[in-house]
Amino acid sequence: RKSRSSLRAVILRGEGPSFCSGLDVPSFFSQPGKALRIFLK
């Protein structure tokens, strides 16, 4: 967004076999403090 003067488009993609499989639940259960911070405003 800061360099938008020269930017014309964005291609958003996933590396490997998938674009994005959604929330990595095991990683959130292993870090409950960060999991809580994700969903707070």
Full PDB file with SEQRES, HELIX, SHEET, SSBOND, CRYST1, ORIGX, SCALE, CONECT and MASTER records, all heavy atoms in Angstrom:
SEQRES   1 A   41  ARG LYS SER ARG SER SER LEU ARG ALA VAL ILE LEU ARG          
SEQRES   2 A   41  GLY GLU GLY PRO SER PHE CYS SER GLY LEU ASP VAL PRO          
SEQRES   3 A   41  SER PHE PHE SER GLN PRO GLY LYS ALA LEU ARG ILE PHE          
SEQRES   4 A   41  LEU LYS                                                      
HELIX    1 AA1 VAL A   25  SER A   30  1                                   6    
HELIX    2 AA2 PRO A   32  ILE A   38  1                                   7    
CRYST1    1.000    1.000    1.000  90.00  90.00  90.00 P 1           1          
ORIGX1      1.000000  0.000000  0.000000        0.00000                         
ORIGX2      0.000000  1.000000  0.000000        0.00000                         
ORIGX3      0.000000  0.000000  1.000000        0.00000                         
SCALE1      1.000000  0.000000  0.000000        0.00000                         
SCALE2      0.000000  1.000000  0.000000        0.00000                         
SCALE3      0.000000  0.000000  1.000000        0.00000                         
ATOM      1  N   ARG A   1       0.833  -1.214   0.000  1.00  0.00           N  
ATOM      2  CA  ARG A   1       0.000   0.000   0.000  1.00  0.00           C  
ATOM      3  C   ARG A   1       0.862   1.256   0.000  1.00  0.00           C  
ATOM      4  O   ARG A   1       0.514   2.264  -0.615  1.00  0.00           O  
ATOM      5  CB  ARG A   1      -0.929  -0.020   1.207  1.00  0.00           C  
ATOM      6  CG  ARG A   1      -1.991   1.039   1.148  1.00  0.00           C  
ATOM      7  CD  ARG A   1      -3.029   0.819   2.198  1.00  0.00           C  
ATOM      8  NE  ARG A   1      -4.070   1.815   2.017  1.00  0.00           N  
ATOM      9  CZ  ARG A   1      -5.113   1.931   2.767  1.00  0.00           C  
ATOM     10  NH1 ARG A   1      -5.289   1.103   3.772  1.00  0.00           N  
ATOM     11  NH2 ARG A   1      -6.012   2.855   2.544  1.00  0.00           N  
ATOM     12  N   LYS A   2       2.014   1.184   0.657  1.00  0.00           N  
ATOM     13  CA  LYS A   2       2.926   2.325   0.687  1.00  0.00           C  
ATOM     14  C   LYS A   2       3.577   2.568  -0.671  1.00  0.00           C  
ATOM     15  O   LYS A   2       3.899   3.697  -1.009  1.00  0.00           O  
ATOM     16  CB  LYS A   2       4.007   2.109   1.746  1.00  0.00           C  
ATOM     17  CG  LYS A   2       3.490   2.182   3.153  1.00  0.00           C  
ATOM     18  CD  LYS A   2       4.582   1.892   4.156  1.00  0.00           C  
ATOM     19  CE  LYS A   2       4.010   1.832   5.558  1.00  0.00           C  
ATOM     20  NZ  LYS A   2       5.026   1.417   6.540  1.00  0.00           N  
ATOM     21  N   SER A   3       3.783   1.512  -1.451  1.00  0.00           N  
ATOM     22  CA  SER A   3       4.447   1.646  -2.752  1.00  0.00           C  
ATOM     23  C   SER A   3       3.450   1.621  -3.907  1.00  0.00           C  
ATOM     24  O   SER A   3       3.782   1.232  -5.009  1.00  0.00           O  
ATOM     25  CB  SER A   3       5.461   0.515  -2.933  1.00  0.00           C  
ATOM     26  OG  SER A   3       4.797  -0.725  -3.001  1.00  0.00           O  
ATOM     27  N   ARG A   4       2.258   2.065  -3.668  1.00  0.00           N  
ATOM     28  CA  ARG A   4       1.187   1.929  -4.649  1.00  0.00           C  
ATOM     29  C   ARG A   4       1.348   2.799  -5.890  1.00  0.00           C  
ATOM     30  O   ARG A   4       0.669   2.586  -6.877  1.00  0.00           O  
ATOM     31  CB  ARG A   4      -0.154   2.204  -3.994  1.00  0.00           C  
ATOM     32  CG  ARG A   4      -0.330   3.635  -3.546  1.00  0.00           C  
ATOM     33  CD  ARG A   4      -1.714   3.820  -2.933  1.00  0.00           C  
ATOM     34  NE  ARG A   4      -1.884   5.173  -2.508  1.00  0.00           N  
ATOM     35  CZ  ARG A   4      -2.098   5.546  -1.275  1.00  0.00           C  
ATOM     36  NH1 ARG A   4      -2.182   4.657  -0.334  1.00  0.00           N  
ATOM     37  NH2 ARG A   4      -2.244   6.807  -0.972  1.00  0.00           N  
ATOM     38  N   SER A   5       2.230   3.786  -5.862  1.00  0.00           N  
ATOM     39  CA  SER A   5       2.341   4.669  -7.025  1.00  0.00           C  
ATOM     40  C   SER A   5       2.753   3.904  -8.282  1.00  0.00           C  
ATOM     41  O   SER A   5       2.305   4.227  -9.373  1.00  0.00           O  
ATOM     42  CB  SER A   5       3.333   5.794  -6.744  1.00  0.00           C  
ATOM     43  OG  SER A   5       4.611   5.251  -6.481  1.00  0.00           O  
ATOM     44  N   SER A   6       3.589   2.889  -8.143  1.00  0.00           N  
ATOM     45  CA  SER A   6       4.029   2.135  -9.314  1.00  0.00           C  
ATOM     46  C   SER A   6       3.315   0.787  -9.450  1.00  0.00           C  
ATOM     47  O   SER A   6       3.473   0.109 -10.457  1.00  0.00           O  
ATOM     48  CB  SER A   6       5.536   1.898  -9.236  1.00  0.00           C  
ATOM     49  OG  SER A   6       5.835   1.111  -8.106  1.00  0.00           O  
ATOM     50  N   LEU A   7       2.540   0.416  -8.477  1.00  0.00           N  
ATOM     51  CA  LEU A   7       1.890  -0.891  -8.463  1.00  0.00           C  
ATOM     52  C   LEU A   7       0.619  -0.884  -9.322  1.00  0.00           C  
ATOM     53  O   LEU A   7      -0.194   0.024  -9.236  1.00  0.00           O  
ATOM     54  CB  LEU A   7       1.537  -1.260  -7.019  1.00  0.00           C  
ATOM     55  CG  LEU A   7       1.088  -2.681  -6.748  1.00  0.00           C  
ATOM     56  CD1 LEU A   7       2.201  -3.669  -7.078  1.00  0.00           C  
ATOM     57  CD2 LEU A   7       0.703  -2.825  -5.287  1.00  0.00           C  
ATOM     58  N   ARG A   8       0.478  -1.914 -10.164  1.00  0.00           N  
ATOM     59  CA  ARG A   8      -0.706  -1.991 -11.024  1.00  0.00           C  
ATOM     60  C   ARG A   8      -1.629  -3.150 -10.668  1.00  0.00           C  
ATOM     61  O   ARG A   8      -2.810  -3.117 -10.973  1.00  0.00           O  
ATOM     62  CB  ARG A   8      -0.282  -2.081 -12.477  1.00  0.00           C  
ATOM     63  CG  ARG A   8       0.569  -0.874 -12.858  1.00  0.00           C  
ATOM     64  CD  ARG A   8       0.630  -0.548 -14.283  1.00  0.00           C  
ATOM     65  NE  ARG A   8      -0.495  -0.910 -15.073  1.00  0.00           N  
ATOM     66  CZ  ARG A   8      -1.319  -0.049 -15.643  1.00  0.00           C  
ATOM     67  NH1 ARG A   8      -1.163   1.220 -15.453  1.00  0.00           N  
ATOM     68  NH2 ARG A   8      -2.299  -0.473 -16.408  1.00  0.00           N  
ATOM     69  N   ALA A   9      -1.090  -4.201 -10.027  1.00  0.00           N  
ATOM     70  CA  ALA A   9      -1.903  -5.356  -9.652  1.00  0.00           C  
ATOM     71  C   ALA A   9      -1.135  -6.217  -8.653  1.00  0.00           C  
ATOM     72  O   ALA A   9       0.082  -6.100  -8.525  1.00  0.00           O  
ATOM     73  CB  ALA A   9      -2.270  -6.191 -10.872  1.00  0.00           C  
ATOM     74  N   VAL A  10      -1.885  -7.074  -7.963  1.00  0.00           N  
ATOM     75  CA  VAL A  10      -1.303  -8.024  -7.019  1.00  0.00           C  
ATOM     76  C   VAL A  10      -1.808  -9.415  -7.375  1.00  0.00           C  
ATOM     77  O   VAL A  10      -3.010  -9.603  -7.581  1.00  0.00           O  
ATOM     78  CB  VAL A  10      -1.694  -7.685  -5.554  1.00  0.00           C  
ATOM     79  CG1 VAL A  10      -1.199  -8.760  -4.591  1.00  0.00           C  
ATOM     80  CG2 VAL A  10      -1.172  -6.315  -5.152  1.00  0.00           C  
ATOM     81  N   ILE A  11      -0.885 -10.364  -7.442  1.00  0.00           N  
ATOM     82  CA  ILE A  11      -1.224 -11.769  -7.631  1.00  0.00           C  
ATOM     83  C   ILE A  11      -0.947 -12.458  -6.301  1.00  0.00           C  
ATOM     84  O   ILE A  11       0.189 -12.474  -5.825  1.00  0.00           O  
ATOM     85  CB  ILE A  11      -0.360 -12.427  -8.739  1.00  0.00           C  
ATOM     86  CG1 ILE A  11      -0.437 -11.646 -10.045  1.00  0.00           C  
ATOM     87  CG2 ILE A  11      -0.737 -13.892  -8.903  1.00  0.00           C  
ATOM     88  CD1 ILE A  11      -1.795 -11.654 -10.705  1.00  0.00           C  
ATOM     89  N   LEU A  12      -1.973 -12.994  -5.686  1.00  0.00           N  
ATOM     90  CA  LEU A  12      -1.876 -13.650  -4.382  1.00  0.00           C  
ATOM     91  C   LEU A  12      -1.965 -15.153  -4.615  1.00  0.00           C  
ATOM     92  O   LEU A  12      -2.947 -15.640  -5.181  1.00  0.00           O  
ATOM     93  CB  LEU A  12      -3.019 -13.167  -3.491  1.00  0.00           C  
ATOM     94  CG  LEU A  12      -3.067 -13.604  -2.043  1.00  0.00           C  
ATOM     95  CD1 LEU A  12      -1.813 -13.184  -1.297  1.00  0.00           C  
ATOM     96  CD2 LEU A  12      -4.291 -13.005  -1.370  1.00  0.00           C  
ATOM     97  N   ARG A  13      -0.929 -15.891  -4.198  1.00  0.00           N  
ATOM     98  CA  ARG A  13      -0.879 -17.321  -4.495  1.00  0.00           C  
ATOM     99  C   ARG A  13      -0.259 -18.101  -3.345  1.00  0.00           C  
ATOM    100  O   ARG A  13       0.374 -17.529  -2.468  1.00  0.00           O  
ATOM    101  CB  ARG A  13      -0.073 -17.555  -5.771  1.00  0.00           C  
ATOM    102  CG  ARG A  13       1.347 -17.058  -5.649  1.00  0.00           C  
ATOM    103  CD  ARG A  13       2.057 -17.065  -6.962  1.00  0.00           C  
ATOM    104  NE  ARG A  13       3.418 -16.539  -6.786  1.00  0.00           N  
ATOM    105  CZ  ARG A  13       4.284 -16.442  -7.756  1.00  0.00           C  
ATOM    106  NH1 ARG A  13       3.950 -16.809  -8.971  1.00  0.00           N  
ATOM    107  NH2 ARG A  13       5.484 -15.977  -7.533  1.00  0.00           N  
ATOM    108  N   GLY A  14      -0.443 -19.403  -3.377  1.00  0.00           N  
ATOM    109  CA  GLY A  14       0.127 -20.278  -2.370  1.00  0.00           C  
ATOM    110  C   GLY A  14       1.228 -21.128  -2.958  1.00  0.00           C  
ATOM    111  O   GLY A  14       1.105 -21.632  -4.075  1.00  0.00           O  
ATOM    112  N   GLU A  15       2.294 -21.297  -2.223  1.00  0.00           N  
ATOM    113  CA  GLU A  15       3.387 -22.161  -2.651  1.00  0.00           C  
ATOM    114  C   GLU A  15       3.039 -23.614  -2.332  1.00  0.00           C  
ATOM    115  O   GLU A  15       2.424 -23.896  -1.307  1.00  0.00           O  
ATOM    116  CB  GLU A  15       4.658 -21.748  -1.897  1.00  0.00           C  
ATOM    117  CG  GLU A  15       5.906 -22.500  -2.260  1.00  0.00           C  
ATOM    118  CD  GLU A  15       7.091 -22.000  -1.469  1.00  0.00           C  
ATOM    119  OE1 GLU A  15       7.291 -20.772  -1.390  1.00  0.00           O  
ATOM    120  OE2 GLU A  15       7.803 -22.850  -0.909  1.00  0.00           O  
ATOM    121  N   GLY A  16       3.418 -24.512  -3.200  1.00  0.00           N  
ATOM    122  CA  GLY A  16       3.187 -25.929  -2.934  1.00  0.00           C  
ATOM    123  C   GLY A  16       1.841 -26.423  -3.420  1.00  0.00           C  
ATOM    124  O   GLY A  16       1.259 -25.862  -4.339  1.00  0.00           O  
ATOM    125  N   PRO A  17       1.318 -27.476  -2.775  1.00  0.00           N  
ATOM    126  CA  PRO A  17       0.126 -28.153  -3.288  1.00  0.00           C  
ATOM    127  C   PRO A  17      -1.205 -27.444  -3.038  1.00  0.00           C  
ATOM    128  O   PRO A  17      -2.220 -27.861  -3.576  1.00  0.00           O  
ATOM    129  CB  PRO A  17       0.147 -29.503  -2.573  1.00  0.00           C  
ATOM    130  CG  PRO A  17       0.866 -29.227  -1.294  1.00  0.00           C  
ATOM    131  CD  PRO A  17       1.899 -28.181  -1.635  1.00  0.00           C  
ATOM    132  N   SER A  18      -1.237 -26.384  -2.233  1.00  0.00           N  
ATOM    133  CA  SER A  18      -2.513 -25.736  -1.894  1.00  0.00           C  
ATOM    134  C   SER A  18      -2.368 -24.229  -1.792  1.00  0.00           C  
ATOM    135  O   SER A  18      -1.302 -23.719  -1.443  1.00  0.00           O  
ATOM    136  CB  SER A  18      -3.038 -26.255  -0.555  1.00  0.00           C  
ATOM    137  OG  SER A  18      -3.301 -27.625  -0.616  1.00  0.00           O  
ATOM    138  N   PHE A  19      -3.484 -23.537  -2.027  1.00  0.00           N  
ATOM    139  CA  PHE A  19      -3.506 -22.093  -1.808  1.00  0.00           C  
ATOM    140  C   PHE A  19      -3.420 -21.808  -0.306  1.00  0.00           C  
ATOM    141  O   PHE A  19      -2.500 -21.166   0.159  1.00  0.00           O  
ATOM    142  CB  PHE A  19      -4.773 -21.468  -2.399  1.00  0.00           C  
ATOM    143  CG  PHE A  19      -4.921 -20.011  -2.071  1.00  0.00           C  
ATOM    144  CD1 PHE A  19      -4.112 -19.073  -2.690  1.00  0.00           C  
ATOM    145  CD2 PHE A  19      -5.848 -19.582  -1.147  1.00  0.00           C  
ATOM    146  CE1 PHE A  19      -4.217 -17.725  -2.383  1.00  0.00           C  
ATOM    147  CE2 PHE A  19      -5.974 -18.233  -0.832  1.00  0.00           C  
ATOM    148  CZ  PHE A  19      -5.156 -17.308  -1.456  1.00  0.00           C  
ATOM    149  N   CYS A  20      -4.403 -22.291   0.457  1.00  0.00           N  
ATOM    150  CA  CYS A  20      -4.399 -22.098   1.913  1.00  0.00           C  
ATOM    151  C   CYS A  20      -5.449 -23.012   2.531  1.00  0.00           C  
ATOM    152  O   CYS A  20      -6.626 -22.914   2.201  1.00  0.00           O  
ATOM    153  CB  CYS A  20      -4.694 -20.652   2.269  1.00  0.00           C  
ATOM    154  SG  CYS A  20      -4.715 -20.330   4.041  1.00  0.00           S  
ATOM    155  N   SER A  21      -5.015 -23.863   3.431  1.00  0.00           N  
ATOM    156  CA  SER A  21      -5.926 -24.840   4.037  1.00  0.00           C  
ATOM    157  C   SER A  21      -6.672 -24.290   5.254  1.00  0.00           C  
ATOM    158  O   SER A  21      -7.319 -25.044   5.967  1.00  0.00           O  
ATOM    159  CB  SER A  21      -5.160 -26.100   4.428  1.00  0.00           C  
ATOM    160  OG  SER A  21      -4.167 -25.787   5.382  1.00  0.00           O  
ATOM    161  N   GLY A  22      -6.585 -22.983   5.486  1.00  0.00           N  
ATOM    162  CA  GLY A  22      -7.307 -22.389   6.603  1.00  0.00           C  
ATOM    163  C   GLY A  22      -6.475 -22.361   7.877  1.00  0.00           C  
ATOM    164  O   GLY A  22      -5.253 -22.479   7.840  1.00  0.00           O  
ATOM    165  N   LEU A  23      -7.131 -22.204   8.984  1.00  0.00           N  
ATOM    166  CA  LEU A  23      -6.476 -22.068  10.282  1.00  0.00           C  
ATOM    167  C   LEU A  23      -5.710 -23.338  10.646  1.00  0.00           C  
ATOM    168  O   LEU A  23      -6.242 -24.445  10.560  1.00  0.00           O  
ATOM    169  CB  LEU A  23      -7.532 -21.766  11.355  1.00  0.00           C  
ATOM    170  CG  LEU A  23      -7.022 -21.469  12.753  1.00  0.00           C  
ATOM    171  CD1 LEU A  23      -6.215 -20.179  12.766  1.00  0.00           C  
ATOM    172  CD2 LEU A  23      -8.193 -21.349  13.713  1.00  0.00           C  
ATOM    173  N   ASP A  24      -4.470 -23.174  11.069  1.00  0.00           N  
ATOM    174  CA  ASP A  24      -3.655 -24.287  11.559  1.00  0.00           C  
ATOM    175  C   ASP A  24      -3.980 -24.459  13.041  1.00  0.00           C  
ATOM    176  O   ASP A  24      -3.331 -23.876  13.908  1.00  0.00           O  
ATOM    177  CB  ASP A  24      -2.178 -23.990  11.334  1.00  0.00           C  
ATOM    178  CG  ASP A  24      -1.271 -25.113  11.796  1.00  0.00           C  
ATOM    179  OD1 ASP A  24      -1.790 -26.134  12.309  1.00  0.00           O  
ATOM    180  OD2 ASP A  24      -0.050 -24.972  11.657  1.00  0.00           O  
ATOM    181  N   VAL A  25      -4.987 -25.251  13.309  1.00  0.00           N  
ATOM    182  CA  VAL A  25      -5.505 -25.414  14.679  1.00  0.00           C  
ATOM    183  C   VAL A  25      -4.441 -25.925  15.646  1.00  0.00           C  
ATOM    184  O   VAL A  25      -4.321 -25.385  16.756  1.00  0.00           O  
ATOM    185  CB  VAL A  25      -6.774 -26.307  14.672  1.00  0.00           C  
ATOM    186  CG1 VAL A  25      -7.261 -26.570  16.082  1.00  0.00           C  
ATOM    187  CG2 VAL A  25      -7.869 -25.643  13.850  1.00  0.00           C  
ATOM    188  N   PRO A  26      -3.644 -26.940  15.309  1.00  0.00           N  
ATOM    189  CA  PRO A  26      -2.634 -27.404  16.266  1.00  0.00           C  
ATOM    190  C   PRO A  26      -1.649 -26.315  16.697  1.00  0.00           C  
ATOM    191  O   PRO A  26      -1.243 -26.260  17.849  1.00  0.00           O  
ATOM    192  CB  PRO A  26      -1.912 -28.531  15.518  1.00  0.00           C  
ATOM    193  CG  PRO A  26      -2.910 -29.033  14.543  1.00  0.00           C  
ATOM    194  CD  PRO A  26      -3.689 -27.815  14.128  1.00  0.00           C  
ATOM    195  N   SER A  27      -1.272 -25.424  15.785  1.00  0.00           N  
ATOM    196  CA  SER A  27      -0.340 -24.356  16.175  1.00  0.00           C  
ATOM    197  C   SER A  27      -0.992 -23.390  17.157  1.00  0.00           C  
ATOM    198  O   SER A  27      -0.320 -22.836  18.022  1.00  0.00           O  
ATOM    199  CB  SER A  27       0.181 -23.606  14.951  1.00  0.00           C  
ATOM    200  OG  SER A  27      -0.767 -22.686  14.471  1.00  0.00           O  
ATOM    201  N   PHE A  28      -2.302 -23.187  17.040  1.00  0.00           N  
ATOM    202  CA  PHE A  28      -2.974 -22.300  17.974  1.00  0.00           C  
ATOM    203  C   PHE A  28      -3.154 -22.933  19.346  1.00  0.00           C  
ATOM    204  O   PHE A  28      -3.043 -22.258  20.357  1.00  0.00           O  
ATOM    205  CB  PHE A  28      -4.323 -21.846  17.404  1.00  0.00           C  
ATOM    206  CG  PHE A  28      -4.162 -20.706  16.463  1.00  0.00           C  
ATOM    207  CD1 PHE A  28      -4.007 -20.934  15.110  1.00  0.00           C  
ATOM    208  CD2 PHE A  28      -4.121 -19.410  16.916  1.00  0.00           C  
ATOM    209  CE1 PHE A  28      -3.820 -19.904  14.231  1.00  0.00           C  
ATOM    210  CE2 PHE A  28      -3.930 -18.356  16.056  1.00  0.00           C  
ATOM    211  CZ  PHE A  28      -3.780 -18.599  14.709  1.00  0.00           C  
ATOM    212  N   PHE A  29      -3.410 -24.215  19.378  1.00  0.00           N  
ATOM    213  CA  PHE A  29      -3.521 -24.885  20.677  1.00  0.00           C  
ATOM    214  C   PHE A  29      -2.179 -24.921  21.401  1.00  0.00           C  
ATOM    215  O   PHE A  29      -2.138 -24.966  22.617  1.00  0.00           O  
ATOM    216  CB  PHE A  29      -4.078 -26.297  20.521  1.00  0.00           C  
ATOM    217  CG  PHE A  29      -5.557 -26.330  20.255  1.00  0.00           C  
ATOM    218  CD1 PHE A  29      -6.079 -27.158  19.284  1.00  0.00           C  
ATOM    219  CD2 PHE A  29      -6.433 -25.528  20.971  1.00  0.00           C  
ATOM    220  CE1 PHE A  29      -7.438 -27.199  19.033  1.00  0.00           C  
ATOM    221  CE2 PHE A  29      -7.792 -25.541  20.729  1.00  0.00           C  
ATOM    222  CZ  PHE A  29      -8.297 -26.379  19.760  1.00  0.00           C  
ATOM    223  N   SER A  30      -1.085 -24.890  20.634  1.00  0.00           N  
ATOM    224  CA  SER A  30       0.235 -24.904  21.266  1.00  0.00           C  
ATOM    225  C   SER A  30       0.649 -23.527  21.774  1.00  0.00           C  
ATOM    226  O   SER A  30       1.595 -23.425  22.556  1.00  0.00           O  
ATOM    227  CB  SER A  30       1.283 -25.442  20.300  1.00  0.00           C  
ATOM    228  OG  SER A  30       1.492 -24.534  19.241  1.00  0.00           O  
ATOM    229  N   GLN A  31      -0.027 -22.455  21.344  1.00  0.00           N  
ATOM    230  CA  GLN A  31       0.278 -21.088  21.768  1.00  0.00           C  
ATOM    231  C   GLN A  31      -1.015 -20.350  22.117  1.00  0.00           C  
ATOM    232  O   GLN A  31      -1.451 -19.465  21.379  1.00  0.00           O  
ATOM    233  CB  GLN A  31       1.017 -20.341  20.662  1.00  0.00           C  
ATOM    234  CG  GLN A  31       2.322 -20.980  20.269  1.00  0.00           C  
ATOM    235  CD  GLN A  31       2.947 -20.279  19.088  1.00  0.00           C  
ATOM    236  OE1 GLN A  31       2.264 -19.711  18.242  1.00  0.00           O  
ATOM    237  NE2 GLN A  31       4.262 -20.301  19.014  1.00  0.00           N  
ATOM    238  N   PRO A  32      -1.644 -20.679  23.236  1.00  0.00           N  
ATOM    239  CA  PRO A  32      -2.956 -20.093  23.540  1.00  0.00           C  
ATOM    240  C   PRO A  32      -2.944 -18.569  23.683  1.00  0.00           C  
ATOM    241  O   PRO A  32      -3.928 -17.919  23.349  1.00  0.00           O  
ATOM    242  CB  PRO A  32      -3.368 -20.770  24.840  1.00  0.00           C  
ATOM    243  CG  PRO A  32      -2.147 -21.404  25.381  1.00  0.00           C  
ATOM    244  CD  PRO A  32      -1.201 -21.613  24.258  1.00  0.00           C  
ATOM    245  N   GLY A  33      -1.846 -17.984  24.129  1.00  0.00           N  
ATOM    246  CA  GLY A  33      -1.780 -16.528  24.257  1.00  0.00           C  
ATOM    247  C   GLY A  33      -1.888 -15.834  22.912  1.00  0.00           C  
ATOM    248  O   GLY A  33      -2.616 -14.858  22.747  1.00  0.00           O  
ATOM    249  N   LYS A  34      -1.173 -16.352  21.930  1.00  0.00           N  
ATOM    250  CA  LYS A  34      -1.233 -15.774  20.589  1.00  0.00           C  
ATOM    251  C   LYS A  34      -2.587 -16.042  19.949  1.00  0.00           C  
ATOM    252  O   LYS A  34      -3.106 -15.206  19.222  1.00  0.00           O  
ATOM    253  CB  LYS A  34      -0.113 -16.327  19.711  1.00  0.00           C  
ATOM    254  CG  LYS A  34       1.234 -15.745  20.050  1.00  0.00           C  
ATOM    255  CD  LYS A  34       2.288 -16.225  19.089  1.00  0.00           C  
ATOM    256  CE  LYS A  34       3.620 -15.577  19.400  1.00  0.00           C  
ATOM    257  NZ  LYS A  34       4.682 -16.032  18.496  1.00  0.00           N  
ATOM    258  N   ALA A  35      -3.146 -17.210  20.216  1.00  0.00           N  
ATOM    259  CA  ALA A  35      -4.461 -17.535  19.656  1.00  0.00           C  
ATOM    260  C   ALA A  35      -5.502 -16.530  20.130  1.00  0.00           C  
ATOM    261  O   ALA A  35      -6.339 -16.078  19.347  1.00  0.00           O  
ATOM    262  CB  ALA A  35      -4.861 -18.948  20.049  1.00  0.00           C  
ATOM    263  N   LEU A  36      -5.454 -16.170  21.388  1.00  0.00           N  
ATOM    264  CA  LEU A  36      -6.395 -15.191  21.920  1.00  0.00           C  
ATOM    265  C   LEU A  36      -6.182 -13.826  21.284  1.00  0.00           C  
ATOM    266  O   LEU A  36      -7.147 -13.143  20.917  1.00  0.00           O  
ATOM    267  CB  LEU A  36      -6.251 -15.101  23.441  1.00  0.00           C  
ATOM    268  CG  LEU A  36      -7.197 -14.161  24.159  1.00  0.00           C  
ATOM    269  CD1 LEU A  36      -8.643 -14.591  23.940  1.00  0.00           C  
ATOM    270  CD2 LEU A  36      -6.884 -14.118  25.637  1.00  0.00           C  
ATOM    271  N   ARG A  37      -4.920 -13.426  21.089  1.00  0.00           N  
ATOM    272  CA  ARG A  37      -4.618 -12.124  20.486  1.00  0.00           C  
ATOM    273  C   ARG A  37      -5.099 -12.023  19.042  1.00  0.00           C  
ATOM    274  O   ARG A  37      -5.430 -10.923  18.576  1.00  0.00           O  
ATOM    275  CB  ARG A  37      -3.117 -11.853  20.547  1.00  0.00           C  
ATOM    276  CG  ARG A  37      -2.645 -11.565  21.958  1.00  0.00           C  
ATOM    277  CD  ARG A  37      -1.151 -11.450  22.079  1.00  0.00           C  
ATOM    278  NE  ARG A  37      -0.564 -10.553  21.107  1.00  0.00           N  
ATOM    279  CZ  ARG A  37       0.739 -10.558  20.819  1.00  0.00           C  
ATOM    280  NH1 ARG A  37       1.556 -11.380  21.411  1.00  0.00           N  
ATOM    281  NH2 ARG A  37       1.204  -9.717  19.929  1.00  0.00           N  
ATOM    282  N   ILE A  38      -5.160 -13.129  18.325  1.00  0.00           N  
ATOM    283  CA  ILE A  38      -5.610 -13.117  16.933  1.00  0.00           C  
ATOM    284  C   ILE A  38      -7.051 -12.619  16.819  1.00  0.00           C  
ATOM    285  O   ILE A  38      -7.406 -11.921  15.887  1.00  0.00           O  
ATOM    286  CB  ILE A  38      -5.513 -14.542  16.320  1.00  0.00           C  
ATOM    287  CG1 ILE A  38      -4.071 -14.934  16.108  1.00  0.00           C  
ATOM    288  CG2 ILE A  38      -6.302 -14.672  15.035  1.00  0.00           C  
ATOM    289  CD1 ILE A  38      -3.397 -14.300  14.925  1.00  0.00           C  
ATOM    290  N   PHE A  39      -7.880 -12.976  17.789  1.00  0.00           N  
ATOM    291  CA  PHE A  39      -9.313 -12.713  17.681  1.00  0.00           C  
ATOM    292  C   PHE A  39      -9.796 -11.509  18.487  1.00  0.00           C  
ATOM    293  O   PHE A  39     -10.987 -11.217  18.491  1.00  0.00           O  
ATOM    294  CB  PHE A  39     -10.088 -13.973  18.070  1.00  0.00           C  
ATOM    295  CG  PHE A  39      -9.767 -15.132  17.169  1.00  0.00           C  
ATOM    296  CD1 PHE A  39      -8.996 -16.184  17.616  1.00  0.00           C  
ATOM    297  CD2 PHE A  39     -10.198 -15.141  15.851  1.00  0.00           C  
ATOM    298  CE1 PHE A  39      -8.681 -17.246  16.771  1.00  0.00           C  
ATOM    299  CE2 PHE A  39      -9.878 -16.190  14.995  1.00  0.00           C  
ATOM    300  CZ  PHE A  39      -9.118 -17.243  15.460  1.00  0.00           C  
ATOM    301  N   LEU A  40      -8.899 -10.778  19.143  1.00  0.00           N  
ATOM    302  CA  LEU A  40      -9.278  -9.585  19.895  1.00  0.00           C  
ATOM    303  C   LEU A  40      -9.056  -8.332  19.063  1.00  0.00           C  
ATOM    304  O   LEU A  40      -8.124  -8.261  18.267  1.00  0.00           O  
ATOM    305  CB  LEU A  40      -8.452  -9.491  21.183  1.00  0.00           C  
ATOM    306  CG  LEU A  40      -8.705 -10.547  22.242  1.00  0.00           C  
ATOM    307  CD1 LEU A  40      -7.765 -10.339  23.418  1.00  0.00           C  
ATOM    308  CD2 LEU A  40     -10.146 -10.521  22.714  1.00  0.00           C  
ATOM    309  N   LYS A  41      -9.915  -7.354  19.277  1.00  0.00           N  
ATOM    310  CA  LYS A  41      -9.748  -6.049  18.629  1.00  0.00           C  
ATOM    311  C   LYS A  41      -9.105  -5.118  19.650  1.00  0.00           C  
ATOM    312  O   LYS A  41      -9.455  -5.134  20.828  1.00  0.00           O  
ATOM    313  CB  LYS A  41     -11.084  -5.487  18.185  1.00  0.00           C  
ATOM    314  CG  LYS A  41     -11.741  -6.291  17.101  1.00  0.00           C  
ATOM    315  CD  LYS A  41     -13.059  -5.692  16.691  1.00  0.00           C  
ATOM    316  CE  LYS A  41     -13.741  -6.610  15.697  1.00  0.00           C  
ATOM    317  NZ  LYS A  41     -15.067  -6.152  15.340  1.00  0.00           N  
TER     318      LYS A  41                                                      
MASTER        0    0    0    2    0    0    0    6  317    1    0    4          
END                                                                             
